[in-house]
Amino acid sequence: MTRNGLGSVFYVVVRRDLLIALRRRNEIANPLIFFIMVGTLFALGLEPGSGLLAKMAPSVIWVAALLGALMSLHTIFRSDFADGALEQFLISGHPTSVLVAAKVVAHWLVTGLPLIAVSPLLAIMLQLPTEAIGPLLLTLLLGTPALSLIGAIGVALTVGLRSGGILLSLVVLPLYVPVLIFGAAAVETAISGLPITAHLYFLGAILLLSLTLAPFATAASLRVSVS
């Protein structure tokens, strides 16, 4: 198949999933509301003048983003598995890895991108220093796609299980830890006025590794789960 043909398939799958997501707006709103609620509760629960709130802000924002992404992972494949569309994807003759990549991109556009857009507001609420908001956005821009790519592997492994939610969390959360560590550490380093280049390199490496391996691992896992 030509590159133009693969590009057309990729675009069609992304467009399809975006249209479905727009019809199920609660699936977009739930992770975003959760993300905002976690930050708001911390802002209300900690004394603003103590400095503890600003110190904890990077970790709070990143943990909230991680859990928000985890909440929405089931939307990648579960509905397609339920209505039989996933089987059609697997026997369509198109490379499954390309279809997987398209669905992950659509998932990030409806979950990760809104979280990034709202994060400056949450950062202000948590009294994060202004100079750290840029690094926060940059780390989220590198980290959230990796969360979607890694999470897709876990969803593919558990898609055929009736109670796969807990198992999905057990599979995915340990793999999310490096992204959380480097993302939060980068923002904390930026607050201290130190360069964050090393942290960004690590996040970029994780993203590149996820882009390279995750679609193929997810495709293989889907074939095992559906068969």
Protein backbone atom coordinates (compact mmCIF):
# COMPACT_ATOMS: atom_id res chain seq x y z
CA MET A 1 0.00 0.00 0.00
CA THR A 2 1.27 3.47 -0.87
CA ARG A 3 2.05 6.16 1.67
CA ASN A 4 -0.86 8.21 0.33
CA GLY A 5 -3.15 5.25 0.91
CA LEU A 6 -1.93 4.80 4.47
CA GLY A 7 -2.26 8.54 5.07
CA SER A 8 -5.88 8.42 3.89
CA VAL A 9 -6.65 5.48 6.17
CA PHE A 10 -4.98 7.28 9.08
CA TYR A 11 -7.02 10.44 8.44
CA VAL A 12 -10.30 8.54 8.09
CA VAL A 13 -9.82 6.70 11.40
CA VAL A 14 -8.83 9.89 13.25
CA ARG A 15 -11.81 11.76 11.81
CA ARG A 16 -14.16 8.89 12.65
CA ASP A 17 -13.03 8.73 16.28
CA LEU A 18 -13.22 12.52 16.67
CA LEU A 19 -16.79 12.55 15.38
CA ILE A 20 -17.73 9.72 17.76
CA ALA A 21 -16.11 11.59 20.65
CA LEU A 22 -18.09 14.74 19.82
CA ARG A 23 -21.29 12.72 20.07
CA ARG A 24 -20.19 11.36 23.46
CA ARG A 25 -19.13 14.63 25.03
CA ASN A 26 -19.17 13.19 28.53
CA GLU A 27 -16.14 11.09 27.58
CA ILE A 28 -14.28 14.33 26.84
CA ALA A 29 -15.62 16.19 29.85
CA ASN A 30 -15.05 13.56 32.54
CA PRO A 31 -11.20 13.51 32.51
CA LEU A 32 -11.16 17.31 32.23
CA ILE A 33 -13.55 17.77 35.16
CA PHE A 34 -11.55 15.27 37.21
CA PHE A 35 -8.32 17.13 36.40
CA ILE A 36 -9.81 20.46 37.51
CA MET A 37 -11.42 18.99 40.63
CA VAL A 38 -8.16 17.45 41.88
CA GLY A 39 -6.35 20.76 41.52
CA THR A 40 -9.20 22.68 43.12
CA LEU A 41 -9.36 20.36 46.12
CA PHE A 42 -5.64 20.74 46.75
CA ALA A 43 -5.94 24.51 46.39
CA LEU A 44 -8.75 24.56 48.97
CA GLY A 45 -7.18 22.02 51.32
CA LEU A 46 -3.74 23.62 51.71
CA GLU A 47 -3.02 26.99 53.28
CA PRO A 48 -2.19 29.43 50.43
CA GLY A 49 0.39 31.48 52.33
CA SER A 50 2.47 28.55 53.56
CA GLY A 51 4.37 28.01 50.30
CA LEU A 52 3.51 24.30 50.46
CA LEU A 53 0.88 24.68 47.73
CA ALA A 54 3.35 26.11 45.21
CA LYS A 55 5.93 23.48 46.13
CA MET A 56 3.46 20.64 45.55
CA ALA A 57 1.90 22.15 42.41
CA PRO A 58 4.08 20.33 39.82
CA SER A 59 3.41 16.92 41.35
CA VAL A 60 -0.30 17.65 41.85
CA ILE A 61 -0.79 18.76 38.24
CA TRP A 62 1.12 15.81 36.83
CA VAL A 63 -0.64 13.23 39.02
CA ALA A 64 -4.01 14.74 38.09
CA ALA A 65 -3.09 14.63 34.38
CA LEU A 66 -1.92 11.02 34.70
CA LEU A 67 -5.10 9.89 36.45
CA GLY A 68 -7.26 11.87 34.03
CA ALA A 69 -5.57 10.11 31.12
CA LEU A 70 -6.01 6.76 32.85
CA MET A 71 -9.74 7.42 33.29
CA SER A 72 -10.22 7.89 29.56
CA LEU A 73 -8.14 4.97 28.28
CA HIS A 74 -11.12 2.64 27.90
CA THR A 75 -12.49 4.89 25.14
CA ILE A 76 -9.70 3.87 22.75
CA PHE A 77 -10.88 0.33 21.92
CA ARG A 78 -13.72 -0.77 24.20
CA SER A 79 -16.65 0.59 22.15
CA ASP A 80 -15.13 -0.78 18.92
CA PHE A 81 -14.73 -4.17 20.58
CA ALA A 82 -18.34 -4.11 21.76
CA ASP A 83 -19.86 -3.31 18.36
CA GLY A 84 -17.55 -5.51 16.30
CA ALA A 85 -15.70 -2.65 14.57
CA LEU A 86 -12.40 -3.79 16.09
CA GLU A 87 -12.61 -7.14 14.32
CA GLN A 88 -13.24 -5.30 11.06
CA PHE A 89 -10.13 -3.23 11.65
CA LEU A 90 -8.05 -6.36 12.14
CA ILE A 91 -9.27 -8.05 8.94
CA SER A 92 -9.42 -4.90 6.82
CA GLY A 93 -6.06 -5.56 5.17
CA HIS A 94 -4.61 -2.27 6.38
CA PRO A 95 -1.62 -2.35 8.77
CA THR A 96 -3.08 -2.66 12.25
CA SER A 97 -0.28 -0.51 13.68
CA VAL A 98 -1.39 2.42 11.49
CA LEU A 99 -5.00 2.04 12.65
CA VAL A 100 -3.81 1.87 16.25
CA ALA A 101 -1.69 5.00 15.84
CA ALA A 102 -4.67 6.86 14.38
CA LYS A 103 -6.92 5.88 17.28
CA VAL A 104 -4.25 6.92 19.81
CA VAL A 105 -3.88 10.31 18.09
CA ALA A 106 -7.64 10.81 18.25
CA HIS A 107 -7.64 9.84 21.92
CA TRP A 108 -4.89 12.35 22.70
CA LEU A 109 -6.70 15.11 20.81
CA VAL A 110 -9.87 14.67 22.87
CA THR A 111 -8.22 14.02 26.25
CA GLY A 112 -4.58 15.08 26.43
CA LEU A 113 -4.91 18.32 24.48
CA PRO A 114 -7.77 19.70 26.63
CA LEU A 115 -5.77 18.87 29.78
CA ILE A 116 -2.82 20.84 28.42
CA ALA A 117 -5.10 23.77 27.53
CA VAL A 118 -6.55 23.92 31.05
CA SER A 119 -3.26 23.35 32.90
CA PRO A 120 -2.20 27.06 33.00
CA LEU A 121 -5.42 27.90 34.85
CA LEU A 122 -4.77 25.08 37.29
CA ALA A 123 -1.17 26.23 37.69
CA ILE A 124 -2.31 29.73 38.65
CA MET A 125 -4.82 28.27 41.08
CA LEU A 126 -2.04 26.23 42.72
CA GLN A 127 0.23 29.32 42.86
CA LEU A 128 2.82 27.87 40.51
CA PRO A 129 5.39 30.59 39.64
CA THR A 130 4.76 32.24 36.29
CA GLU A 131 8.17 31.26 34.93
CA ALA A 132 7.34 27.57 35.46
CA ILE A 133 4.12 27.57 33.41
CA GLY A 134 6.00 27.37 30.11
CA PRO A 135 8.06 24.35 31.20
CA LEU A 136 4.87 22.76 32.57
CA LEU A 137 3.16 23.06 29.18
CA LEU A 138 6.23 21.70 27.43
CA THR A 139 6.48 18.67 29.69
CA LEU A 140 2.77 17.94 29.30
CA LEU A 141 3.10 18.30 25.53
CA LEU A 142 5.83 15.66 25.53
CA GLY A 143 4.40 13.47 28.28
CA THR A 144 0.68 13.16 27.56
CA PRO A 145 1.09 11.56 24.10
CA ALA A 146 3.36 8.97 25.72
CA LEU A 147 0.64 8.29 28.30
CA SER A 148 -1.87 7.62 25.51
CA LEU A 149 0.54 5.39 23.59
CA ILE A 150 1.54 3.35 26.64
CA GLY A 151 -2.04 3.16 27.85
CA ALA A 152 -3.18 1.78 24.49
CA ILE A 153 -1.08 -1.34 25.11
CA GLY A 154 -2.83 -1.94 28.43
CA VAL A 155 -6.27 -1.40 26.90
CA ALA A 156 -5.47 -3.82 24.08
CA LEU A 157 -4.41 -6.50 26.57
CA THR A 158 -7.58 -6.14 28.67
CA VAL A 159 -10.16 -5.18 26.05
CA GLY A 160 -11.81 -8.60 26.05
CA LEU A 161 -12.14 -8.85 29.84
CA ARG A 162 -15.39 -7.95 31.57
CA SER A 163 -13.70 -6.45 34.62
CA GLY A 164 -10.53 -5.21 33.01
CA GLY A 165 -10.48 -1.78 34.67
CA ILE A 166 -8.47 -2.79 37.72
CA LEU A 167 -6.15 -4.99 35.67
CA LEU A 168 -5.64 -2.10 33.23
CA SER A 169 -4.54 0.14 36.09
CA LEU A 170 -2.13 -2.51 37.39
CA VAL A 171 -0.61 -2.93 33.94
CA VAL A 172 -0.35 0.71 32.97
CA LEU A 173 0.50 2.61 36.17
CA PRO A 174 4.03 1.17 36.62
CA LEU A 175 4.81 2.16 33.01
CA TYR A 176 3.53 5.69 33.68
CA VAL A 177 5.95 6.26 36.58
CA PRO A 178 8.97 7.44 34.49
CA VAL A 179 6.83 10.00 32.67
CA LEU A 180 5.48 11.26 36.00
CA ILE A 181 8.94 11.48 37.57
CA PHE A 182 10.61 13.39 34.75
CA GLY A 183 7.57 15.60 34.08
CA ALA A 184 7.18 16.76 37.67
CA ALA A 185 10.94 17.00 38.21
CA ALA A 186 11.32 19.24 35.17
CA VAL A 187 8.80 21.74 36.51
CA GLU A 188 10.36 21.69 39.97
CA THR A 189 13.78 22.30 38.41
CA ALA A 190 12.37 25.21 36.42
CA ILE A 191 11.03 26.75 39.64
CA SER A 192 14.55 26.56 41.07
CA GLY A 193 15.87 28.46 38.05
CA LEU A 194 17.96 25.55 36.76
CA PRO A 195 17.97 24.23 33.17
CA ILE A 196 15.51 21.45 32.38
CA THR A 197 17.16 20.25 29.17
CA ALA A 198 18.04 16.83 30.60
CA HIS A 199 14.47 16.21 31.77
CA LEU A 200 13.08 17.21 28.38
CA TYR A 201 15.54 14.85 26.66
CA PHE A 202 14.33 11.98 28.83
CA LEU A 203 10.67 12.82 28.15
CA GLY A 204 11.42 13.12 24.44
CA ALA A 205 13.19 9.75 24.49
CA ILE A 206 10.22 8.12 26.22
CA LEU A 207 7.86 9.66 23.65
CA LEU A 208 10.05 8.56 20.74
CA LEU A 209 10.33 5.04 22.13
CA SER A 210 6.55 4.93 22.64
CA LEU A 211 5.91 6.17 19.09
CA THR A 212 8.25 3.52 17.73
CA LEU A 213 7.14 0.48 19.72
CA ALA A 214 3.66 1.06 21.16
CA PRO A 215 1.61 0.82 17.90
CA PHE A 216 3.16 -2.56 17.06
CA ALA A 217 2.85 -3.87 20.62
CA THR A 218 -0.77 -2.69 20.76
CA ALA A 219 -1.56 -4.29 17.40
CA ALA A 220 -0.12 -7.62 18.55
CA SER A 221 -2.05 -7.41 21.83
CA LEU A 222 -5.30 -6.73 19.96
CA ARG A 223 -4.84 -9.79 17.81
CA VAL A 224 -4.35 -11.91 20.92
CA SER A 225 -7.34 -10.38 22.76
CA VAL A 226 -9.77 -10.58 19.83
CA SER A 227 -8.81 -14.05 18.64
